[in-house]
Structures are given as C-alpha cells and as structure tokens.
Amino acid sequence: MTSPAALRVAGARSAVRVPRPDYNPYATPMTRPDMPPLRTFEVAALRADGSRSIATFKAPALPLFESAFSAFARGVVLSSPEGGVAVEDLLPGDWLNTTSGEPAQVLWIGSSSFVPADTGRRMPLIRIMADSFGQSRPASFVTVGPGARILQTPPHLRGTTGGAQMLTPASAFVDSVNVIEVIPPTPIRLFHICLSRHAAVDVGGIAMETFHPGMGATRQVTHAQRDLFLSMFPHIAHVTDFGPLAHPRAPETDVAA
C-alpha cells in the first residue's frame, strides 16, 4: 500500500505545525525572558491637599523596588502618640513616635505579598526574639523582612563609630539563637513606610528605620525604571526629596553575614 506521505505533492508545506509561543497582547519589555519578573506593589499615600490615594503598580522584582516594600511583616506593632498600632492598620496621615522625640506624619505606606519559600527566589524573613538587644528590646518577638534596618551598630564596627548608632540590615544580626531566619511556605504581606522625614521608629521596643532609598539607589537601574519607582511616591519628584538620612548606615559590604 502506498503510504500517505508518498501521495503528497512535491514541495507542499508539511502538515506538521511547529507550536508557537503564546501571544500576550499585554506584554511589555519588562516581561521579556531576559528581564526580572514583575511583582504587584500597593501604595497608600497622603496627597498635598490632605486627601488619600491608593494605587497598584506592576514593577520588576529588583532590589530598588523590593526594598521599599519589605520591612515589616503583618502584625508588627509600631508606637504612635495614641499607643501601639499594627502596621497593616496604619493610614496615611497618622503619626508615629520617632527616636528624635518628635512624632512624624506617615506620608506613604507600601506593601506587597512575598513567598519566602519560593524555590526560585528564596527570601527568608528575620525573627527577632524577645530581649535580643536588651531588656524589652523587643518586648516580644518581631518579624521583619529583608528591607528592615535596625538602629544598632554591628559588633565589628562599634569601635569605629565613636558611640554613634548605625542603621544596620536586620539580617546582619542573625545568629540562629536570638535572631533567626524563618521561611513560611505561604505568602506573607510585608510593609514599609515613609514619614514626613527620614527617622527611626519604635517597633516593639527596638528602633527601626523608615524607608529611604539612599541617594545612589537609582543609579543601578534604567531611566524608565527610575521614573516608575519615583512615580510610586506622590510626594517625591526627585530622589533628593527623600531628604537626609536621620542616622548613618552601616556599609552593607562590611556587614557581617
């Protein structure tokens, strides 16, 4: 019997189709395989006229963006003039106590959902056990994300600061006893906040930094990514509008792992 293949007209196109990649009409240059994955970020902010705005952004999962949304885990309690308030209950316009002794107003609250146990991008949280930095510092355990900094000088730098405290990534204090890594398998909501000025706020008895990207943070991204980042902060037109740092930061390259 003559095979079906032998009956085909010479030069005819093969009936076998090569699968094509799914077409995504909403794809942007940021979704190309050579670009970082996109993450959803939510922002609540205080406008200049005193009204509140809520917005959602899609942005690449780059350190510049993720550090602005990953300091405090849901349930973390901050000190305000009216008493303790959970970070998820904060609203733009609220006031928080700062280590300077003067309260400052909350202008911006950013949040996003992270999966610490994601096999593609493992991102452990940090749990600070009670009394890790002295009596009632913190009063009970506090869980923070990779964007958190503590107003506490790391031991190996204490002899170089003249007694001044430095803002140090919480991860620098992990010792697997008092400060430990935790990797929940389910999504965790993380938050960060901007006040009317850069400051350290009381978080369960320890002083922790409010958000500031650092003056050189936007140099490592494209102009489009920089503009997208700044658009997330209605009160900011240029990175210098974040103002000066309230305290010096420990050099991250020198912080002990």
C-alpha atoms as a PDB file:
ATOM      1  CA  MET A   1       0.000   0.000   0.000  1.00  0.00           C
ATOM      2  CA  THR A   2       1.265   3.447  -0.839  1.00  0.00           C
ATOM      3  CA  SER A   3       1.924   5.462   2.269  1.00  0.00           C
ATOM      4  CA  PRO A   4       0.110   8.777   2.714  1.00  0.00           C
ATOM      5  CA  ALA A   5       3.455  10.518   2.697  1.00  0.00           C
ATOM      6  CA  ALA A   6       4.126   9.308  -0.855  1.00  0.00           C
ATOM      7  CA  LEU A   7       0.892  10.907  -2.093  1.00  0.00           C
ATOM      8  CA  ARG A   8       1.912  14.414  -1.050  1.00  0.00           C
ATOM      9  CA  VAL A   9       2.703  16.862  -3.810  1.00  0.00           C
ATOM     10  CA  ALA A  10       6.399  17.621  -4.008  1.00  0.00           C
ATOM     11  CA  GLY A  11       7.238  20.917  -2.384  1.00  0.00           C
ATOM     12  CA  ALA A  12       3.953  21.086  -0.483  1.00  0.00           C
ATOM     13  CA  ARG A  13       4.122  22.529   3.026  1.00  0.00           C
ATOM     14  CA  SER A  14       4.324  19.914   5.741  1.00  0.00           C
ATOM     15  CA  ALA A  15       1.144  19.268   7.678  1.00  0.00           C
ATOM     16  CA  VAL A  16       3.141  19.232  10.911  1.00  0.00           C
ATOM     17  CA  ARG A  17       2.886  22.576  12.711  1.00  0.00           C
ATOM     18  CA  VAL A  18       5.558  23.896  14.984  1.00  0.00           C
ATOM     19  CA  PRO A  19       3.957  25.243  18.177  1.00  0.00           C
ATOM     20  CA  ARG A  20       4.317  28.998  18.578  1.00  0.00           C
ATOM     21  CA  PRO A  21       4.773  30.733  21.934  1.00  0.00           C
ATOM     22  CA  ASP A  22       1.536  32.008  23.408  1.00  0.00           C
ATOM     23  CA  TYR A  23       0.885  35.561  22.322  1.00  0.00           C
ATOM     24  CA  ASN A  24       0.456  38.004  25.174  1.00  0.00           C
ATOM     25  CA  PRO A  25      -1.130  41.255  23.982  1.00  0.00           C
ATOM     26  CA  TYR A  26      -0.280  42.894  27.305  1.00  0.00           C
ATOM     27  CA  ALA A  27       3.427  42.045  27.232  1.00  0.00           C
ATOM     28  CA  THR A  28       5.860  44.898  27.760  1.00  0.00           C
ATOM     29  CA  PRO A  29       9.659  44.999  27.518  1.00  0.00           C
ATOM     30  CA  MET A  30       9.705  44.251  31.274  1.00  0.00           C
ATOM     31  CA  THR A  31       8.137  40.827  30.698  1.00  0.00           C
ATOM     32  CA  ARG A  32      10.796  39.516  28.330  1.00  0.00           C
ATOM     33  CA  PRO A  33      12.646  36.375  29.436  1.00  0.00           C
ATOM     34  CA  ASP A  34      15.844  38.371  29.966  1.00  0.00           C
ATOM     35  CA  MET A  35      14.121  40.797  32.340  1.00  0.00           C
ATOM     36  CA  PRO A  36      13.206  40.348  36.036  1.00  0.00           C
ATOM     37  CA  PRO A  37       9.699  39.039  36.772  1.00  0.00           C
ATOM     38  CA  LEU A  38       7.007  41.573  37.564  1.00  0.00           C
ATOM     39  CA  ARG A  39       5.605  41.990  41.055  1.00  0.00           C
ATOM     40  CA  THR A  40       2.453  43.785  42.197  1.00  0.00           C
ATOM     41  CA  PHE A  41       3.025  46.614  44.670  1.00  0.00           C
ATOM     42  CA  GLU A  42       0.306  48.525  46.512  1.00  0.00           C
ATOM     43  CA  VAL A  43       0.702  52.101  47.691  1.00  0.00           C
ATOM     44  CA  ALA A  44      -1.399  54.267  50.015  1.00  0.00           C
ATOM     45  CA  ALA A  45      -0.243  57.874  50.195  1.00  0.00           C
ATOM     46  CA  LEU A  46      -1.159  61.292  51.505  1.00  0.00           C
ATOM     47  CA  ARG A  47      -1.632  63.918  48.801  1.00  0.00           C
ATOM     48  CA  ALA A  48      -0.554  67.525  49.230  1.00  0.00           C
ATOM     49  CA  ASP A  49      -4.202  68.569  49.679  1.00  0.00           C
ATOM     50  CA  GLY A  50      -4.624  66.155  52.589  1.00  0.00           C
ATOM     51  CA  SER A  51      -6.618  63.519  50.695  1.00  0.00           C
ATOM     52  CA  ARG A  52      -5.516  59.895  50.491  1.00  0.00           C
ATOM     53  CA  SER A  53      -4.704  57.962  47.354  1.00  0.00           C
ATOM     54  CA  ILE A  54      -4.479  54.217  46.768  1.00  0.00           C
ATOM     55  CA  ALA A  55      -2.693  52.796  43.739  1.00  0.00           C
ATOM     56  CA  THR A  56      -1.394  49.478  42.432  1.00  0.00           C
ATOM     57  CA  PHE A  57       1.806  49.182  40.396  1.00  0.00           C
ATOM     58  CA  LYS A  58       3.427  46.432  38.362  1.00  0.00           C
ATOM     59  CA  ALA A  59       7.182  46.714  38.573  1.00  0.00           C
ATOM     60  CA  PRO A  60      10.225  44.491  38.130  1.00  0.00           C
ATOM     61  CA  ALA A  61      11.312  42.483  41.158  1.00  0.00           C
ATOM     62  CA  LEU A  62      14.557  44.418  41.526  1.00  0.00           C
ATOM     63  CA  PRO A  63      16.202  45.365  44.856  1.00  0.00           C
ATOM     64  CA  LEU A  64      15.319  49.047  44.354  1.00  0.00           C
ATOM     65  CA  PHE A  65      11.607  48.224  44.311  1.00  0.00           C
ATOM     66  CA  GLU A  66      11.507  45.301  46.740  1.00  0.00           C
ATOM     67  CA  SER A  67      13.443  47.140  49.463  1.00  0.00           C
ATOM     68  CA  ALA A  68      10.696  49.786  49.541  1.00  0.00           C
ATOM     69  CA  PHE A  69       8.008  47.219  50.366  1.00  0.00           C
ATOM     70  CA  SER A  70       9.664  44.593  52.561  1.00  0.00           C
ATOM     71  CA  ALA A  71      10.497  45.864  56.045  1.00  0.00           C
ATOM     72  CA  PHE A  72       7.678  44.931  58.445  1.00  0.00           C
ATOM     73  CA  ALA A  73       5.588  41.759  58.451  1.00  0.00           C
ATOM     74  CA  ARG A  74       1.855  41.947  59.007  1.00  0.00           C
ATOM     75  CA  GLY A  75       1.192  42.137  62.745  1.00  0.00           C
ATOM     76  CA  VAL A  76       4.238  44.238  63.630  1.00  0.00           C
ATOM     77  CA  VAL A  77       3.228  46.930  66.141  1.00  0.00           C
ATOM     78  CA  LEU A  78       4.600  50.465  65.924  1.00  0.00           C
ATOM     79  CA  SER A  79       4.465  53.167  68.581  1.00  0.00           C
ATOM     80  CA  SER A  80       2.231  56.178  67.982  1.00  0.00           C
ATOM     81  CA  PRO A  81       1.209  59.083  70.242  1.00  0.00           C
ATOM     82  CA  GLU A  82      -2.104  57.240  70.773  1.00  0.00           C
ATOM     83  CA  GLY A  83      -0.473  53.898  71.578  1.00  0.00           C
ATOM     84  CA  GLY A  84       0.561  50.840  69.612  1.00  0.00           C
ATOM     85  CA  VAL A  85      -0.756  50.351  66.088  1.00  0.00           C
ATOM     86  CA  ALA A  86      -0.289  47.352  63.790  1.00  0.00           C
ATOM     87  CA  VAL A  87       1.443  48.229  60.546  1.00  0.00           C
ATOM     88  CA  GLU A  88      -1.497  46.916  58.478  1.00  0.00           C
ATOM     89  CA  ASP A  89      -3.827  49.326  60.336  1.00  0.00           C
ATOM     90  CA  LEU A  90      -1.751  52.430  59.612  1.00  0.00           C
ATOM     91  CA  LEU A  91      -3.268  55.083  57.355  1.00  0.00           C
ATOM     92  CA  PRO A  92      -1.559  57.951  55.521  1.00  0.00           C
ATOM     93  CA  GLY A  93      -1.841  60.983  57.775  1.00  0.00           C
ATOM     94  CA  ASP A  94      -1.304  59.031  61.015  1.00  0.00           C
ATOM     95  CA  TRP A  95       1.555  59.971  63.312  1.00  0.00           C
ATOM     96  CA  LEU A  96       4.315  57.775  64.737  1.00  0.00           C
ATOM     97  CA  ASN A  97       6.803  58.296  67.527  1.00  0.00           C
ATOM     98  CA  THR A  98      10.429  58.599  66.458  1.00  0.00           C
ATOM     99  CA  THR A  99      13.720  58.243  68.294  1.00  0.00           C
ATOM    100  CA  SER A 100      14.302  62.003  67.976  1.00  0.00           C
ATOM    101  CA  GLY A 101      11.493  62.564  70.490  1.00  0.00           C
ATOM    102  CA  GLU A 102       9.242  64.319  67.976  1.00  0.00           C
ATOM    103  CA  PRO A 103       6.423  62.443  66.193  1.00  0.00           C
ATOM    104  CA  ALA A 104       6.374  62.429  62.395  1.00  0.00           C
ATOM    105  CA  GLN A 105       3.476  62.015  59.998  1.00  0.00           C
ATOM    106  CA  VAL A 106       3.013  58.951  57.802  1.00  0.00           C
ATOM    107  CA  LEU A 107       3.003  60.086  54.164  1.00  0.00           C
ATOM    108  CA  TRP A 108       3.332  56.761  52.390  1.00  0.00           C
ATOM    109  CA  ILE A 109       2.667  53.064  53.046  1.00  0.00           C
ATOM    110  CA  GLY A 110       3.826  50.413  50.591  1.00  0.00           C
ATOM    111  CA  SER A 111       3.010  46.715  50.724  1.00  0.00           C
ATOM    112  CA  SER A 112       3.344  43.553  48.681  1.00  0.00           C
ATOM    113  CA  SER A 113       2.958  39.789  49.086  1.00  0.00           C
ATOM    114  CA  PHE A 114       6.111  37.681  49.165  1.00  0.00           C
ATOM    115  CA  VAL A 115       6.587  33.906  49.294  1.00  0.00           C
ATOM    116  CA  PRO A 116       9.727  33.391  51.434  1.00  0.00           C
ATOM    117  CA  ALA A 117       9.983  29.703  50.487  1.00  0.00           C
ATOM    118  CA  ASP A 118       9.764  30.316  46.738  1.00  0.00           C
ATOM    119  CA  THR A 119      12.303  27.906  45.243  1.00  0.00           C
ATOM    120  CA  GLY A 120      13.104  30.378  42.506  1.00  0.00           C
ATOM    121  CA  ARG A 121      13.855  33.292  44.803  1.00  0.00           C
ATOM    122  CA  ARG A 122      14.366  32.173  48.396  1.00  0.00           C
ATOM    123  CA  MET A 123      13.844  35.164  50.677  1.00  0.00           C
ATOM    124  CA  PRO A 124      13.872  34.306  54.393  1.00  0.00           C
ATOM    125  CA  LEU A 125      12.225  36.569  56.938  1.00  0.00           C
ATOM    126  CA  ILE A 126      14.007  37.517  60.150  1.00  0.00           C
ATOM    127  CA  ARG A 127      12.515  36.876  63.581  1.00  0.00           C
ATOM    128  CA  ILE A 128      13.968  38.891  66.443  1.00  0.00           C
ATOM    129  CA  MET A 129      13.271  37.139  69.730  1.00  0.00           C
ATOM    130  CA  ALA A 130      12.366  38.981  72.958  1.00  0.00           C
ATOM    131  CA  ASP A 131      15.239  40.753  74.754  1.00  0.00           C
ATOM    132  CA  SER A 132      17.669  40.171  71.871  1.00  0.00           C
ATOM    133  CA  PHE A 133      19.065  43.707  72.175  1.00  0.00           C
ATOM    134  CA  GLY A 134      18.489  44.213  75.893  1.00  0.00           C
ATOM    135  CA  GLN A 135      15.595  44.042  78.306  1.00  0.00           C
ATOM    136  CA  SER A 136      12.307  44.519  76.420  1.00  0.00           C
ATOM    137  CA  ARG A 137      14.205  45.193  73.188  1.00  0.00           C
ATOM    138  CA  PRO A 138      11.967  43.869  71.780  1.00  0.00           C
ATOM    139  CA  ALA A 139       9.338  43.094  74.408  1.00  0.00           C
ATOM    140  CA  SER A 140       8.138  40.098  72.317  1.00  0.00           C
ATOM    141  CA  PHE A 141       9.324  38.623  69.059  1.00  0.00           C
ATOM    142  CA  VAL A 142       9.211  40.803  65.956  1.00  0.00           C
ATOM    143  CA  THR A 143       9.206  39.501  62.385  1.00  0.00           C
ATOM    144  CA  VAL A 144      10.702  41.668  59.663  1.00  0.00           C
ATOM    145  CA  GLY A 145      11.626  41.351  56.014  1.00  0.00           C
ATOM    146  CA  PRO A 146      14.859  41.819  54.074  1.00  0.00           C
ATOM    147  CA  GLY A 147      14.276  45.568  53.742  1.00  0.00           C
ATOM    148  CA  ALA A 148      14.415  46.164  57.518  1.00  0.00           C
ATOM    149  CA  ARG A 149      17.229  48.066  59.208  1.00  0.00           C
ATOM    150  CA  ILE A 150      17.769  48.345  62.961  1.00  0.00           C
ATOM    151  CA  LEU A 151      19.330  51.333  64.718  1.00  0.00           C
ATOM    152  CA  GLN A 152      22.066  49.181  66.213  1.00  0.00           C
ATOM    153  CA  THR A 153      25.741  49.130  65.296  1.00  0.00           C
ATOM    154  CA  PRO A 154      27.086  45.691  64.357  1.00  0.00           C
ATOM    155  CA  PRO A 155      29.728  44.434  66.805  1.00  0.00           C
ATOM    156  CA  HIS A 156      32.640  44.583  64.363  1.00  0.00           C
ATOM    157  CA  LEU A 157      32.045  48.313  63.725  1.00  0.00           C
ATOM    158  CA  ARG A 158      31.446  49.521  67.273  1.00  0.00           C
ATOM    159  CA  GLY A 159      34.995  50.693  67.727  1.00  0.00           C
ATOM    160  CA  THR A 160      34.842  52.947  64.657  1.00  0.00           C
ATOM    161  CA  THR A 161      31.678  54.975  65.270  1.00  0.00           C
ATOM    162  CA  GLY A 162      32.576  56.898  68.401  1.00  0.00           C
ATOM    163  CA  GLY A 163      29.473  55.570  70.126  1.00  0.00           C
ATOM    164  CA  ALA A 164      27.063  56.678  67.386  1.00  0.00           C
ATOM    165  CA  GLN A 165      24.422  54.129  66.406  1.00  0.00           C
ATOM    166  CA  MET A 166      24.186  52.989  62.805  1.00  0.00           C
ATOM    167  CA  LEU A 167      21.285  51.714  60.735  1.00  0.00           C
ATOM    168  CA  THR A 168      22.156  48.093  60.028  1.00  0.00           C
ATOM    169  CA  PRO A 169      20.274  45.446  57.989  1.00  0.00           C
ATOM    170  CA  ALA A 170      18.448  43.122  60.372  1.00  0.00           C
ATOM    171  CA  SER A 171      19.997  40.176  58.540  1.00  0.00           C
ATOM    172  CA  ALA A 172      23.417  41.183  59.905  1.00  0.00           C
ATOM    173  CA  PHE A 173      22.335  40.120  63.405  1.00  0.00           C
ATOM    174  CA  VAL A 174      21.181  36.600  62.522  1.00  0.00           C
ATOM    175  CA  ASP A 175      22.842  34.218  64.997  1.00  0.00           C
ATOM    176  CA  SER A 176      20.326  31.323  64.873  1.00  0.00           C
ATOM    177  CA  VAL A 177      19.613  31.832  68.595  1.00  0.00           C
ATOM    178  CA  ASN A 178      18.274  35.319  69.335  1.00  0.00           C
ATOM    179  CA  VAL A 179      17.798  36.434  65.748  1.00  0.00           C
ATOM    180  CA  ILE A 180      16.753  33.654  63.388  1.00  0.00           C
ATOM    181  CA  GLU A 181      15.659  33.132  59.813  1.00  0.00           C
ATOM    182  CA  VAL A 182      12.131  31.875  59.201  1.00  0.00           C
ATOM    183  CA  ILE A 183      10.806  30.678  55.849  1.00  0.00           C
ATOM    184  CA  PRO A 184       6.997  30.369  55.865  1.00  0.00           C
ATOM    185  CA  PRO A 185       5.702  28.336  52.888  1.00  0.00           C
ATOM    186  CA  THR A 186       2.702  30.598  52.315  1.00  0.00           C
ATOM    187  CA  PRO A 187       2.555  34.232  51.110  1.00  0.00           C
ATOM    188  CA  ILE A 188       3.393  36.903  53.672  1.00  0.00           C
ATOM    189  CA  ARG A 189       2.321  40.540  53.443  1.00  0.00           C
ATOM    190  CA  LEU A 190       5.234  42.913  54.034  1.00  0.00           C
ATOM    191  CA  PHE A 191       5.089  46.682  54.502  1.00  0.00           C
ATOM    192  CA  HIS A 192       7.288  49.742  54.567  1.00  0.00           C
ATOM    193  CA  ILE A 193       6.528  53.361  55.427  1.00  0.00           C
ATOM    194  CA  CYS A 194       7.727  56.873  54.617  1.00  0.00           C
ATOM    195  CA  LEU A 195       7.294  59.658  57.137  1.00  0.00           C
ATOM    196  CA  SER A 196       7.462  63.409  56.663  1.00  0.00           C
ATOM    197  CA  ARG A 197      11.176  62.968  57.353  1.00  0.00           C
ATOM    198  CA  HIS A 198      13.519  60.012  57.485  1.00  0.00           C
ATOM    199  CA  ALA A 199      13.550  58.559  61.001  1.00  0.00           C
ATOM    200  CA  ALA A 200      13.837  55.541  63.241  1.00  0.00           C
ATOM    201  CA  VAL A 201      10.568  54.445  64.839  1.00  0.00           C
ATOM    202  CA  ASP A 202       9.804  52.268  67.857  1.00  0.00           C
ATOM    203  CA  VAL A 203       8.888  48.766  66.723  1.00  0.00           C
ATOM    204  CA  GLY A 204       8.083  46.603  69.730  1.00  0.00           C
ATOM    205  CA  GLY A 205      10.883  48.183  71.747  1.00  0.00           C
ATOM    206  CA  ILE A 206      13.610  48.424  69.120  1.00  0.00           C
ATOM    207  CA  ALA A 207      14.344  51.353  66.826  1.00  0.00           C
ATOM    208  CA  MET A 208      13.887  50.574  63.138  1.00  0.00           C
ATOM    209  CA  GLU A 209      14.336  52.679  60.035  1.00  0.00           C
ATOM    210  CA  THR A 210      11.587  54.174  57.911  1.00  0.00           C
ATOM    211  CA  PHE A 211      12.100  53.962  54.170  1.00  0.00           C
ATOM    212  CA  HIS A 212      14.806  55.900  52.374  1.00  0.00           C
ATOM    213  CA  PRO A 213      16.301  54.514  49.146  1.00  0.00           C
ATOM    214  CA  GLY A 214      19.706  56.116  49.630  1.00  0.00           C
ATOM    215  CA  MET A 215      20.991  58.823  47.344  1.00  0.00           C
ATOM    216  CA  GLY A 216      22.702  56.454  44.924  1.00  0.00           C
ATOM    217  CA  ALA A 217      19.973  53.816  44.728  1.00  0.00           C
ATOM    218  CA  THR A 218      18.568  54.791  41.327  1.00  0.00           C
ATOM    219  CA  ARG A 219      21.961  54.696  39.596  1.00  0.00           C
ATOM    220  CA  GLN A 220      21.755  50.922  39.175  1.00  0.00           C
ATOM    221  CA  VAL A 221      18.526  50.922  37.121  1.00  0.00           C
ATOM    222  CA  THR A 222      17.374  52.233  33.765  1.00  0.00           C
ATOM    223  CA  HIS A 223      15.827  55.676  33.380  1.00  0.00           C
ATOM    224  CA  ALA A 224      12.414  54.079  32.811  1.00  0.00           C
ATOM    225  CA  GLN A 225      12.716  52.010  35.994  1.00  0.00           C
ATOM    226  CA  ARG A 226      13.848  55.062  37.950  1.00  0.00           C
ATOM    227  CA  ASP A 227      10.861  57.076  36.720  1.00  0.00           C
ATOM    228  CA  LEU A 228       8.487  54.214  37.577  1.00  0.00           C
ATOM    229  CA  PHE A 229       9.984  53.965  41.058  1.00  0.00           C
ATOM    230  CA  LEU A 230       9.633  57.691  41.746  1.00  0.00           C
ATOM    231  CA  SER A 231       6.039  57.651  40.441  1.00  0.00           C
ATOM    232  CA  MET A 232       5.166  55.342  43.344  1.00  0.00           C
ATOM    233  CA  PHE A 233       5.816  58.228  45.772  1.00  0.00           C
ATOM    234  CA  PRO A 234       3.374  61.110  45.140  1.00  0.00           C
ATOM    235  CA  HIS A 235       5.320  63.389  47.492  1.00  0.00           C
ATOM    236  CA  ILE A 236       8.625  62.788  45.699  1.00  0.00           C
ATOM    237  CA  ALA A 237       9.755  64.398  42.422  1.00  0.00           C
ATOM    238  CA  HIS A 238      13.472  63.610  42.688  1.00  0.00           C
ATOM    239  CA  VAL A 239      15.395  61.159  44.835  1.00  0.00           C
ATOM    240  CA  THR A 240      16.843  64.106  46.805  1.00  0.00           C
ATOM    241  CA  ASP A 241      13.295  64.865  48.020  1.00  0.00           C
ATOM    242  CA  PHE A 242      13.600  61.934  50.435  1.00  0.00           C
ATOM    243  CA  GLY A 243      15.812  64.278  52.447  1.00  0.00           C
ATOM    244  CA  PRO A 244      18.896  63.496  54.510  1.00  0.00           C
ATOM    245  CA  LEU A 245      19.380  60.260  56.406  1.00  0.00           C
ATOM    246  CA  ALA A 246      18.482  60.589  60.085  1.00  0.00           C
ATOM    247  CA  HIS A 247      21.335  58.248  61.069  1.00  0.00           C
ATOM    248  CA  PRO A 248      24.370  56.859  59.252  1.00  0.00           C
ATOM    249  CA  ARG A 249      24.036  53.452  57.651  1.00  0.00           C
ATOM    250  CA  ALA A 250      26.465  50.600  58.179  1.00  0.00           C
ATOM    251  CA  PRO A 251      28.222  49.823  54.884  1.00  0.00           C
ATOM    252  CA  GLU A 252      26.426  46.750  53.575  1.00  0.00           C
ATOM    253  CA  THR A 253      29.606  45.358  52.069  1.00  0.00           C
ATOM    254  CA  ASP A 254      31.194  45.440  55.509  1.00  0.00           C
ATOM    255  CA  VAL A 255      28.289  43.980  57.446  1.00  0.00           C
ATOM    256  CA  ALA A 256      28.982  40.513  58.718  1.00  0.00           C
ATOM    257  CA  ALA A 257      26.848  37.843  57.145  1.00  0.00           C
END
